[in-house]
């Protein structure tokens, strides 16, 4: 599929659903753009790659909105 065709499909989809850039998604989630890229790389946040950038459906932000903040507590091993 050519880049033009991908962009055309995403343009048509954007009329039905709101598409966000990584930076826009980061602002809505209150995290850095690096963290959004980490969610995408981990598979926790679905995204479509166009060229060198990702686009994310606004409705998909719900998948990572209710995440716990901070690091998980360390589990102490019993002796």
C-alpha atoms as a PDB file:
ATOM      1  CA  UNK A   1       0.000   0.000   0.000  1.00  0.00           C
ATOM      2  CA  UNK A   2       1.433   3.371  -0.962  1.00  0.00           C
ATOM      3  CA  UNK A   3       1.949   6.237   1.447  1.00  0.00           C
ATOM      4  CA  UNK A   4      -0.648   8.294  -0.461  1.00  0.00           C
ATOM      5  CA  UNK A   5      -3.240   5.552  -0.086  1.00  0.00           C
ATOM      6  CA  UNK A   6      -2.520   5.219   3.648  1.00  0.00           C
ATOM      7  CA  UNK A   7      -2.920   8.973   4.109  1.00  0.00           C
ATOM      8  CA  UNK A   8      -6.142   8.950   2.107  1.00  0.00           C
ATOM      9  CA  UNK A   9      -7.586   6.124   4.220  1.00  0.00           C
ATOM     10  CA  UNK A  10      -6.622   7.896   7.439  1.00  0.00           C
ATOM     11  CA  UNK A  11      -8.142  11.150   6.162  1.00  0.00           C
ATOM     12  CA  UNK A  12     -11.422   9.366   5.470  1.00  0.00           C
ATOM     13  CA  UNK A  13     -11.279   7.663   8.886  1.00  0.00           C
ATOM     14  CA  UNK A  14     -10.554  10.985  10.596  1.00  0.00           C
ATOM     15  CA  UNK A  15     -13.932  12.280   9.469  1.00  0.00           C
ATOM     16  CA  UNK A  16     -15.534   9.542  11.579  1.00  0.00           C
ATOM     17  CA  UNK A  17     -13.041   9.346  14.446  1.00  0.00           C
ATOM     18  CA  UNK A  18     -10.664  11.923  15.857  1.00  0.00           C
ATOM     19  CA  UNK A  19      -7.017  11.086  15.182  1.00  0.00           C
ATOM     20  CA  UNK A  20      -4.274  12.482  17.394  1.00  0.00           C
ATOM     21  CA  UNK A  21      -0.538  12.876  17.002  1.00  0.00           C
ATOM     22  CA  UNK A  22       1.762  11.495  19.697  1.00  0.00           C
ATOM     23  CA  UNK A  23       2.198  14.994  21.125  1.00  0.00           C
ATOM     24  CA  UNK A  24      -1.577  15.619  21.240  1.00  0.00           C
ATOM     25  CA  UNK A  25      -2.135  12.240  22.917  1.00  0.00           C
ATOM     26  CA  UNK A  26       0.581  13.032  25.471  1.00  0.00           C
ATOM     27  CA  UNK A  27      -1.091  16.344  26.331  1.00  0.00           C
ATOM     28  CA  UNK A  28      -4.483  14.670  26.799  1.00  0.00           C
ATOM     29  CA  UNK A  29      -2.983  11.919  28.992  1.00  0.00           C
ATOM     30  CA  UNK A  30      -0.728  14.272  30.963  1.00  0.00           C
ATOM     31  CA  UNK A  31       2.451  12.344  30.118  1.00  0.00           C
ATOM     32  CA  UNK A  32       5.479  12.926  27.905  1.00  0.00           C
ATOM     33  CA  UNK A  33       5.584  12.020  24.226  1.00  0.00           C
ATOM     34  CA  UNK A  34       8.271   9.449  25.078  1.00  0.00           C
ATOM     35  CA  UNK A  35       5.825   7.721  27.431  1.00  0.00           C
ATOM     36  CA  UNK A  36       3.171   7.605  24.673  1.00  0.00           C
ATOM     37  CA  UNK A  37       5.756   6.040  22.334  1.00  0.00           C
ATOM     38  CA  UNK A  38       6.532   3.521  25.076  1.00  0.00           C
ATOM     39  CA  UNK A  39       2.830   2.605  25.345  1.00  0.00           C
ATOM     40  CA  UNK A  40       2.759   2.099  21.568  1.00  0.00           C
ATOM     41  CA  UNK A  41       5.933  -0.026  21.548  1.00  0.00           C
ATOM     42  CA  UNK A  42       4.628  -2.168  24.431  1.00  0.00           C
ATOM     43  CA  UNK A  43       1.378  -2.752  22.520  1.00  0.00           C
ATOM     44  CA  UNK A  44      -0.734  -1.101  25.212  1.00  0.00           C
ATOM     45  CA  UNK A  45      -1.833   1.742  22.895  1.00  0.00           C
ATOM     46  CA  UNK A  46      -2.804   0.919  19.296  1.00  0.00           C
ATOM     47  CA  UNK A  47      -1.505   3.346  16.675  1.00  0.00           C
ATOM     48  CA  UNK A  48      -0.987   3.592  12.925  1.00  0.00           C
ATOM     49  CA  UNK A  49       2.404   4.609  11.574  1.00  0.00           C
ATOM     50  CA  UNK A  50       2.467   7.086   8.709  1.00  0.00           C
ATOM     51  CA  UNK A  51       5.980   7.736   7.503  1.00  0.00           C
ATOM     52  CA  UNK A  52       7.968   8.359  10.674  1.00  0.00           C
ATOM     53  CA  UNK A  53       5.002   9.425  12.834  1.00  0.00           C
ATOM     54  CA  UNK A  54       2.177   7.657  14.626  1.00  0.00           C
ATOM     55  CA  UNK A  55      -1.503   8.596  14.727  1.00  0.00           C
ATOM     56  CA  UNK A  56      -3.752   7.422  17.541  1.00  0.00           C
ATOM     57  CA  UNK A  57      -7.536   7.233  17.723  1.00  0.00           C
ATOM     58  CA  UNK A  58      -8.806   9.470  20.495  1.00  0.00           C
ATOM     59  CA  UNK A  59     -11.106   6.675  21.698  1.00  0.00           C
ATOM     60  CA  UNK A  60      -8.069   4.401  22.212  1.00  0.00           C
ATOM     61  CA  UNK A  61      -6.679   6.716  24.892  1.00  0.00           C
ATOM     62  CA  UNK A  62      -9.112   5.058  27.329  1.00  0.00           C
ATOM     63  CA  UNK A  63      -6.931   1.935  27.197  1.00  0.00           C
ATOM     64  CA  UNK A  64      -4.124   3.687  29.097  1.00  0.00           C
ATOM     65  CA  UNK A  65      -5.999   6.433  30.985  1.00  0.00           C
ATOM     66  CA  UNK A  66      -6.697   4.306  34.057  1.00  0.00           C
ATOM     67  CA  UNK A  67      -3.102   3.183  34.487  1.00  0.00           C
ATOM     68  CA  UNK A  68      -1.466   3.270  37.917  1.00  0.00           C
ATOM     69  CA  UNK A  69       1.008   6.135  38.314  1.00  0.00           C
ATOM     70  CA  UNK A  70       4.597   5.763  39.446  1.00  0.00           C
ATOM     71  CA  UNK A  71       6.649   2.659  39.813  1.00  0.00           C
ATOM     72  CA  UNK A  72       5.158  -0.513  41.226  1.00  0.00           C
ATOM     73  CA  UNK A  73       6.308  -1.289  44.775  1.00  0.00           C
ATOM     74  CA  UNK A  74       9.214  -3.666  45.141  1.00  0.00           C
ATOM     75  CA  UNK A  75       8.311  -7.059  46.497  1.00  0.00           C
ATOM     76  CA  UNK A  76      10.606  -8.070  49.340  1.00  0.00           C
ATOM     77  CA  UNK A  77      11.759 -11.666  49.187  1.00  0.00           C
ATOM     78  CA  UNK A  78      11.249 -13.761  52.282  1.00  0.00           C
ATOM     79  CA  UNK A  79      14.389 -15.120  53.946  1.00  0.00           C
END
